[in-house]
Amino acid sequence: MSNVPDCHGDVCITCSDTAVEVTVLRLLEDDLAVVDTGQGEEEVSVALVPARVGDKILVHAREAIAVVGEMTQ
């Protein structure tokens, strides 16, 4: 991955044992996205979900597992 996230403690925000809600900032090639974790930006996979810029998604182990809030147009 091109961006190395700023890890806090022993794990990165989106790599922890807990799914976290983040906001999609940019979609990249190869089903990747840059997300806002609330503590910085991280790159995650969105291959399993139909994420769009502005959506809130749940991420576990750098993999988006659900869209929990879609951006309203």
PDB file of N, CA and C in Angstrom:
ATOM      1  N   MET A   1       0.842  -1.174   0.000  1.00  0.00           N
ATOM      2  CA  MET A   1       0.000   0.000   0.000  1.00  0.00           C
ATOM      3  C   MET A   1       0.886   1.235   0.000  1.00  0.00           C
ATOM      4  N   SER A   2       0.437   2.255  -0.663  1.00  0.00           N
ATOM      5  CA  SER A   2       1.284   3.420  -0.842  1.00  0.00           C
ATOM      6  C   SER A   2       1.414   4.275   0.404  1.00  0.00           C
ATOM      7  N   ASN A   3       0.372   4.394   1.187  1.00  0.00           N
ATOM      8  CA  ASN A   3       0.429   5.219   2.385  1.00  0.00           C
ATOM      9  C   ASN A   3       0.575   4.328   3.601  1.00  0.00           C
ATOM     10  N   VAL A   4       1.591   4.598   4.400  1.00  0.00           N
ATOM     11  CA  VAL A   4       1.732   3.871   5.652  1.00  0.00           C
ATOM     12  C   VAL A   4       0.957   4.650   6.700  1.00  0.00           C
ATOM     13  N   PRO A   5      -0.047   4.024   7.325  1.00  0.00           N
ATOM     14  CA  PRO A   5      -0.878   4.745   8.278  1.00  0.00           C
ATOM     15  C   PRO A   5      -0.103   5.077   9.551  1.00  0.00           C
ATOM     16  N   ASP A   6      -0.562   6.087  10.238  1.00  0.00           N
ATOM     17  CA  ASP A   6      -0.020   6.446  11.530  1.00  0.00           C
ATOM     18  C   ASP A   6      -0.657   5.527  12.555  1.00  0.00           C
ATOM     19  N   CYS A   7       0.113   4.554  13.034  1.00  0.00           N
ATOM     20  CA  CYS A   7      -0.434   3.578  13.971  1.00  0.00           C
ATOM     21  C   CYS A   7      -0.362   4.118  15.388  1.00  0.00           C
ATOM     22  N   HIS A   8      -1.347   3.781  16.173  1.00  0.00           N
ATOM     23  CA  HIS A   8      -1.420   4.211  17.560  1.00  0.00           C
ATOM     24  C   HIS A   8      -1.337   2.972  18.437  1.00  0.00           C
ATOM     25  N   GLY A   9      -0.389   2.923  19.354  1.00  0.00           N
ATOM     26  CA  GLY A   9      -0.217   1.731  20.161  1.00  0.00           C
ATOM     27  C   GLY A   9       0.389   0.628  19.324  1.00  0.00           C
ATOM     28  N   ASP A  10      -0.108  -0.584  19.507  1.00  0.00           N
ATOM     29  CA  ASP A  10       0.442  -1.729  18.801  1.00  0.00           C
ATOM     30  C   ASP A  10      -0.230  -2.025  17.466  1.00  0.00           C
ATOM     31  N   VAL A  11      -1.347  -1.353  17.153  1.00  0.00           N
ATOM     32  CA  VAL A  11      -2.077  -1.649  15.922  1.00  0.00           C
ATOM     33  C   VAL A  11      -2.513  -0.371  15.229  1.00  0.00           C
ATOM     34  N   CYS A  12      -2.811  -0.503  13.946  1.00  0.00           N
ATOM     35  CA  CYS A  12      -3.385   0.608  13.195  1.00  0.00           C
ATOM     36  C   CYS A  12      -4.887   0.649  13.465  1.00  0.00           C
ATOM     37  N   ILE A  13      -5.491   1.797  13.283  1.00  0.00           N
ATOM     38  CA  ILE A  13      -6.917   1.955  13.559  1.00  0.00           C
ATOM     39  C   ILE A  13      -7.741   0.922  12.809  1.00  0.00           C
ATOM     40  N   THR A  14      -7.504   0.755  11.519  1.00  0.00           N
ATOM     41  CA  THR A  14      -8.328  -0.170  10.742  1.00  0.00           C
ATOM     42  C   THR A  14      -7.805  -1.599  10.755  1.00  0.00           C
ATOM     43  N   CYS A  15      -6.724  -1.869  11.462  1.00  0.00           N
ATOM     44  CA  CYS A  15      -6.181  -3.237  11.550  1.00  0.00           C
ATOM     45  C   CYS A  15      -6.500  -3.890  12.888  1.00  0.00           C
ATOM     46  N   SER A  16      -7.167  -3.209  13.763  1.00  0.00           N
ATOM     47  CA  SER A  16      -7.435  -3.757  15.087  1.00  0.00           C
ATOM     48  C   SER A  16      -8.420  -4.913  15.015  1.00  0.00           C
ATOM     49  N   ASP A  17      -8.707  -5.523  16.155  1.00  0.00           N
ATOM     50  CA  ASP A  17      -9.642  -6.637  16.225  1.00  0.00           C
ATOM     51  C   ASP A  17     -11.099  -6.185  16.193  1.00  0.00           C
ATOM     52  N   THR A  18     -11.330  -4.914  16.073  1.00  0.00           N
ATOM     53  CA  THR A  18     -12.675  -4.350  16.078  1.00  0.00           C
ATOM     54  C   THR A  18     -12.954  -3.677  14.746  1.00  0.00           C
ATOM     55  N   ALA A  19     -14.154  -3.845  14.230  1.00  0.00           N
ATOM     56  CA  ALA A  19     -14.548  -3.099  13.029  1.00  0.00           C
ATOM     57  C   ALA A  19     -14.786  -1.649  13.435  1.00  0.00           C
ATOM     58  N   VAL A  20     -14.303  -0.721  12.620  1.00  0.00           N
ATOM     59  CA  VAL A  20     -14.457   0.695  12.921  1.00  0.00           C
ATOM     60  C   VAL A  20     -15.177   1.395  11.779  1.00  0.00           C
ATOM     61  N   GLU A  21     -15.934   2.436  12.120  1.00  0.00           N
ATOM     62  CA  GLU A  21     -16.631   3.224  11.112  1.00  0.00           C
ATOM     63  C   GLU A  21     -15.710   4.340  10.643  1.00  0.00           C
ATOM     64  N   VAL A  22     -15.557   4.445   9.332  1.00  0.00           N
ATOM     65  CA  VAL A  22     -14.705   5.464   8.722  1.00  0.00           C
ATOM     66  C   VAL A  22     -15.461   6.095   7.562  1.00  0.00           C
ATOM     67  N   THR A  23     -14.929   7.189   7.039  1.00  0.00           N
ATOM     68  CA  THR A  23     -15.543   7.892   5.908  1.00  0.00           C
ATOM     69  C   THR A  23     -14.645   7.783   4.690  1.00  0.00           C
ATOM     70  N   VAL A  24     -15.226   7.418   3.553  1.00  0.00           N
ATOM     71  CA  VAL A  24     -14.470   7.308   2.307  1.00  0.00           C
ATOM     72  C   VAL A  24     -14.154   8.708   1.782  1.00  0.00           C
ATOM     73  N   LEU A  25     -12.859   8.987   1.598  1.00  0.00           N
ATOM     74  CA  LEU A  25     -12.424  10.278   1.072  1.00  0.00           C
ATOM     75  C   LEU A  25     -12.161  10.225  -0.429  1.00  0.00           C
ATOM     76  N   ARG A  26     -11.490   9.166  -0.869  1.00  0.00           N
ATOM     77  CA  ARG A  26     -11.140   9.004  -2.288  1.00  0.00           C
ATOM     78  C   ARG A  26     -11.171   7.532  -2.649  1.00  0.00           C
ATOM     79  N   LEU A  27     -11.625   7.238  -3.852  1.00  0.00           N
ATOM     80  CA  LEU A  27     -11.551   5.883  -4.395  1.00  0.00           C
ATOM     81  C   LEU A  27     -10.315   5.794  -5.272  1.00  0.00           C
ATOM     82  N   LEU A  28      -9.582   4.701  -5.149  1.00  0.00           N
ATOM     83  CA  LEU A  28      -8.361   4.479  -5.906  1.00  0.00           C
ATOM     84  C   LEU A  28      -8.552   3.287  -6.837  1.00  0.00           C
ATOM     85  N   GLU A  29      -7.550   3.014  -7.641  1.00  0.00           N
ATOM     86  CA  GLU A  29      -7.586   1.840  -8.512  1.00  0.00           C
ATOM     87  C   GLU A  29      -7.504   0.574  -7.665  1.00  0.00           C
ATOM     88  N   ASP A  30      -7.812  -0.553  -8.267  1.00  0.00           N
ATOM     89  CA  ASP A  30      -7.682  -1.878  -7.649  1.00  0.00           C
ATOM     90  C   ASP A  30      -8.544  -2.049  -6.411  1.00  0.00           C
ATOM     91  N   ASP A  31      -9.751  -1.444  -6.416  1.00  0.00           N
ATOM     92  CA  ASP A  31     -10.702  -1.588  -5.309  1.00  0.00           C
ATOM     93  C   ASP A  31     -10.155  -1.113  -3.971  1.00  0.00           C
ATOM     94  N   LEU A  32      -9.368  -0.044  -3.998  1.00  0.00           N
ATOM     95  CA  LEU A  32      -8.837   0.556  -2.781  1.00  0.00           C
ATOM     96  C   LEU A  32      -9.467   1.923  -2.565  1.00  0.00           C
ATOM     97  N   ALA A  33      -9.417   2.394  -1.323  1.00  0.00           N
ATOM     98  CA  ALA A  33      -9.937   3.713  -0.998  1.00  0.00           C
ATOM     99  C   ALA A  33      -9.096   4.325   0.114  1.00  0.00           C
ATOM    100  N   VAL A  34      -9.043   5.644   0.118  1.00  0.00           N
ATOM    101  CA  VAL A  34      -8.450   6.386   1.228  1.00  0.00           C
ATOM    102  C   VAL A  34      -9.608   6.800   2.116  1.00  0.00           C
ATOM    103  N   VAL A  35      -9.494   6.502   3.408  1.00  0.00           N
ATOM    104  CA  VAL A  35     -10.571   6.803   4.351  1.00  0.00           C
ATOM    105  C   VAL A  35     -10.069   7.694   5.475  1.00  0.00           C
ATOM    106  N   ASP A  36     -11.003   8.405   6.081  1.00  0.00           N
ATOM    107  CA  ASP A  36     -10.734   9.219   7.264  1.00  0.00           C
ATOM    108  C   ASP A  36     -11.137   8.402   8.479  1.00  0.00           C
ATOM    109  N   THR A  37     -10.172   8.105   9.352  1.00  0.00           N
ATOM    110  CA  THR A  37     -10.442   7.298  10.538  1.00  0.00           C
ATOM    111  C   THR A  37     -10.823   8.148  11.745  1.00  0.00           C
ATOM    112  N   GLY A  38     -10.744   9.457  11.598  1.00  0.00           N
ATOM    113  CA  GLY A  38     -10.943  10.337  12.744  1.00  0.00           C
ATOM    114  C   GLY A  38      -9.624  10.664  13.423  1.00  0.00           C
ATOM    115  N   GLN A  39      -8.595   9.863  13.109  1.00  0.00           N
ATOM    116  CA  GLN A  39      -7.254  10.095  13.640  1.00  0.00           C
ATOM    117  C   GLN A  39      -6.235  10.193  12.512  1.00  0.00           C
ATOM    118  N   GLY A  40      -6.718  10.303  11.295  1.00  0.00           N
ATOM    119  CA  GLY A  40      -5.837  10.384  10.135  1.00  0.00           C
ATOM    120  C   GLY A  40      -6.431   9.620   8.970  1.00  0.00           C
ATOM    121  N   GLU A  41      -5.648   9.527   7.915  1.00  0.00           N
ATOM    122  CA  GLU A  41      -6.078   8.825   6.717  1.00  0.00           C
ATOM    123  C   GLU A  41      -5.395   7.477   6.628  1.00  0.00           C
ATOM    124  N   GLU A  42      -6.128   6.472   6.108  1.00  0.00           N
ATOM    125  CA  GLU A  42      -5.580   5.144   5.865  1.00  0.00           C
ATOM    126  C   GLU A  42      -6.117   4.627   4.534  1.00  0.00           C
ATOM    127  N   GLU A  43      -5.390   3.707   3.945  1.00  0.00           N
ATOM    128  CA  GLU A  43      -5.807   3.075   2.705  1.00  0.00           C
ATOM    129  C   GLU A  43      -6.384   1.704   3.033  1.00  0.00           C
ATOM    130  N   VAL A  44      -7.576   1.420   2.503  1.00  0.00           N
ATOM    131  CA  VAL A  44      -8.251   0.155   2.785  1.00  0.00           C
ATOM    132  C   VAL A  44      -8.819  -0.419   1.489  1.00  0.00           C
ATOM    133  N   SER A  45      -9.169  -1.703   1.536  1.00  0.00           N
ATOM    134  CA  SER A  45      -9.819  -2.355   0.405  1.00  0.00           C
ATOM    135  C   SER A  45     -11.328  -2.144   0.496  1.00  0.00           C
ATOM    136  N   VAL A  46     -11.944  -1.838  -0.646  1.00  0.00           N
ATOM    137  CA  VAL A  46     -13.406  -1.727  -0.728  1.00  0.00           C
ATOM    138  C   VAL A  46     -13.947  -2.730  -1.756  1.00  0.00           C
ATOM    139  N   ALA A  47     -13.210  -3.817  -1.947  1.00  0.00           N
ATOM    140  CA  ALA A  47     -13.573  -4.819  -2.954  1.00  0.00           C
ATOM    141  C   ALA A  47     -14.892  -5.516  -2.645  1.00  0.00           C
ATOM    142  N   LEU A  48     -15.276  -5.600  -1.373  1.00  0.00           N
ATOM    143  CA  LEU A  48     -16.473  -6.352  -0.991  1.00  0.00           C
ATOM    144  C   LEU A  48     -17.731  -5.506  -0.847  1.00  0.00           C
ATOM    145  N   VAL A  49     -17.603  -4.177  -0.966  1.00  0.00           N
ATOM    146  CA  VAL A  49     -18.758  -3.299  -0.755  1.00  0.00           C
ATOM    147  C   VAL A  49     -18.864  -2.262  -1.877  1.00  0.00           C
ATOM    148  N   PRO A  50     -20.073  -1.757  -2.138  1.00  0.00           N
ATOM    149  CA  PRO A  50     -20.264  -0.733  -3.170  1.00  0.00           C
ATOM    150  C   PRO A  50     -20.051   0.673  -2.600  1.00  0.00           C
ATOM    151  N   ALA A  51     -18.867   0.944  -2.094  1.00  0.00           N
ATOM    152  CA  ALA A  51     -18.586   2.229  -1.439  1.00  0.00           C
ATOM    153  C   ALA A  51     -18.392   3.353  -2.450  1.00  0.00           C
ATOM    154  N   ARG A  52     -18.850   4.538  -2.041  1.00  0.00           N
ATOM    155  CA  ARG A  52     -18.656   5.751  -2.834  1.00  0.00           C
ATOM    156  C   ARG A  52     -18.041   6.814  -1.935  1.00  0.00           C
ATOM    157  N   VAL A  53     -17.463   7.831  -2.534  1.00  0.00           N
ATOM    158  CA  VAL A  53     -16.893   8.944  -1.776  1.00  0.00           C
ATOM    159  C   VAL A  53     -17.986   9.551  -0.897  1.00  0.00           C
ATOM    160  N   GLY A  54     -17.667   9.736   0.376  1.00  0.00           N
ATOM    161  CA  GLY A  54     -18.606  10.306   1.329  1.00  0.00           C
ATOM    162  C   GLY A  54     -19.333   9.274   2.165  1.00  0.00           C
ATOM    163  N   ASP A  55     -19.327   8.007   1.716  1.00  0.00           N
ATOM    164  CA  ASP A  55     -20.004   6.947   2.470  1.00  0.00           C
ATOM    165  C   ASP A  55     -19.288   6.664   3.788  1.00  0.00           C
ATOM    166  N   LYS A  56     -20.056   6.234   4.769  1.00  0.00           N
ATOM    167  CA  LYS A  56     -19.522   5.697   6.020  1.00  0.00           C
ATOM    168  C   LYS A  56     -19.474   4.188   5.837  1.00  0.00           C
ATOM    169  N   ILE A  57     -18.317   3.589   6.122  1.00  0.00           N
ATOM    170  CA  ILE A  57     -18.172   2.148   5.970  1.00  0.00           C
ATOM    171  C   ILE A  57     -17.576   1.550   7.242  1.00  0.00           C
ATOM    172  N   LEU A  58     -17.852   0.265   7.458  1.00  0.00           N
ATOM    173  CA  LEU A  58     -17.205  -0.472   8.539  1.00  0.00           C
ATOM    174  C   LEU A  58     -15.994  -1.178   7.954  1.00  0.00           C
ATOM    175  N   VAL A  59     -14.859  -1.053   8.652  1.00  0.00           N
ATOM    176  CA  VAL A  59     -13.616  -1.654   8.189  1.00  0.00           C
ATOM    177  C   VAL A  59     -13.053  -2.553   9.275  1.00  0.00           C
ATOM    178  N   HIS A  60     -12.635  -3.735   8.870  1.00  0.00           N
ATOM    179  CA  HIS A  60     -11.954  -4.667   9.770  1.00  0.00           C
ATOM    180  C   HIS A  60     -10.742  -5.221   9.034  1.00  0.00           C
ATOM    181  N   ALA A  61      -9.585  -5.139   9.648  1.00  0.00           N
ATOM    182  CA  ALA A  61      -8.345  -5.662   9.056  1.00  0.00           C
ATOM    183  C   ALA A  61      -8.103  -5.086   7.669  1.00  0.00           C
ATOM    184  N   ARG A  62      -8.324  -3.791   7.515  1.00  0.00           N
ATOM    185  CA  ARG A  62      -8.123  -3.051   6.255  1.00  0.00           C
ATOM    186  C   ARG A  62      -9.054  -3.479   5.130  1.00  0.00           C
ATOM    187  N   GLU A  63     -10.157  -4.142   5.474  1.00  0.00           N
ATOM    188  CA  GLU A  63     -11.145  -4.567   4.484  1.00  0.00           C
ATOM    189  C   GLU A  63     -12.506  -3.993   4.862  1.00  0.00           C
ATOM    190  N   ALA A  64     -13.115  -3.232   3.939  1.00  0.00           N
ATOM    191  CA  ALA A  64     -14.472  -2.726   4.184  1.00  0.00           C
ATOM    192  C   ALA A  64     -15.427  -3.907   4.177  1.00  0.00           C
ATOM    193  N   ILE A  65     -16.275  -3.997   5.210  1.00  0.00           N
ATOM    194  CA  ILE A  65     -17.189  -5.124   5.311  1.00  0.00           C
ATOM    195  C   ILE A  65     -18.653  -4.718   5.207  1.00  0.00           C
ATOM    196  N   ALA A  66     -18.943  -3.412   5.251  1.00  0.00           N
ATOM    197  CA  ALA A  66     -20.331  -2.947   5.124  1.00  0.00           C
ATOM    198  C   ALA A  66     -20.361  -1.453   4.887  1.00  0.00           C
ATOM    199  N   VAL A  67     -21.364  -1.016   4.137  1.00  0.00           N
ATOM    200  CA  VAL A  67     -21.669   0.414   4.025  1.00  0.00           C
ATOM    201  C   VAL A  67     -22.741   0.687   5.063  1.00  0.00           C
ATOM    202  N   VAL A  68     -22.470   1.606   5.994  1.00  0.00           N
ATOM    203  CA  VAL A  68     -23.431   1.860   7.076  1.00  0.00           C
ATOM    204  C   VAL A  68     -24.124   3.203   6.936  1.00  0.00           C
ATOM    205  N   GLY A  69     -23.632   4.033   6.069  1.00  0.00           N
ATOM    206  CA  GLY A  69     -24.271   5.325   5.829  1.00  0.00           C
ATOM    207  C   GLY A  69     -23.838   5.852   4.479  1.00  0.00           C
ATOM    208  N   GLU A  70     -24.818   6.012   3.611  1.00  0.00           N
ATOM    209  CA  GLU A  70     -24.498   6.489   2.273  1.00  0.00           C
ATOM    210  C   GLU A  70     -24.593   8.003   2.216  1.00  0.00           C
ATOM    211  N   MET A  71     -23.722   8.595   1.426  1.00  0.00           N
ATOM    212  CA  MET A  71     -23.744  10.035   1.210  1.00  0.00           C
ATOM    213  C   MET A  71     -25.055  10.408   0.540  1.00  0.00           C
ATOM    214  N   THR A  72     -25.745  11.392   1.080  1.00  0.00           N
ATOM    215  CA  THR A  72     -26.978  11.863   0.440  1.00  0.00           C
ATOM    216  C   THR A  72     -26.604  12.885  -0.612  1.00  0.00           C
ATOM    217  N   GLN A  73     -27.300  12.837  -1.713  1.00  0.00           N
ATOM    218  CA  GLN A  73     -26.971  13.715  -2.841  1.00  0.00           C
ATOM    219  C   GLN A  73     -27.714  15.005  -2.772  1.00  0.00           C
TER     220      GLN A  73
END
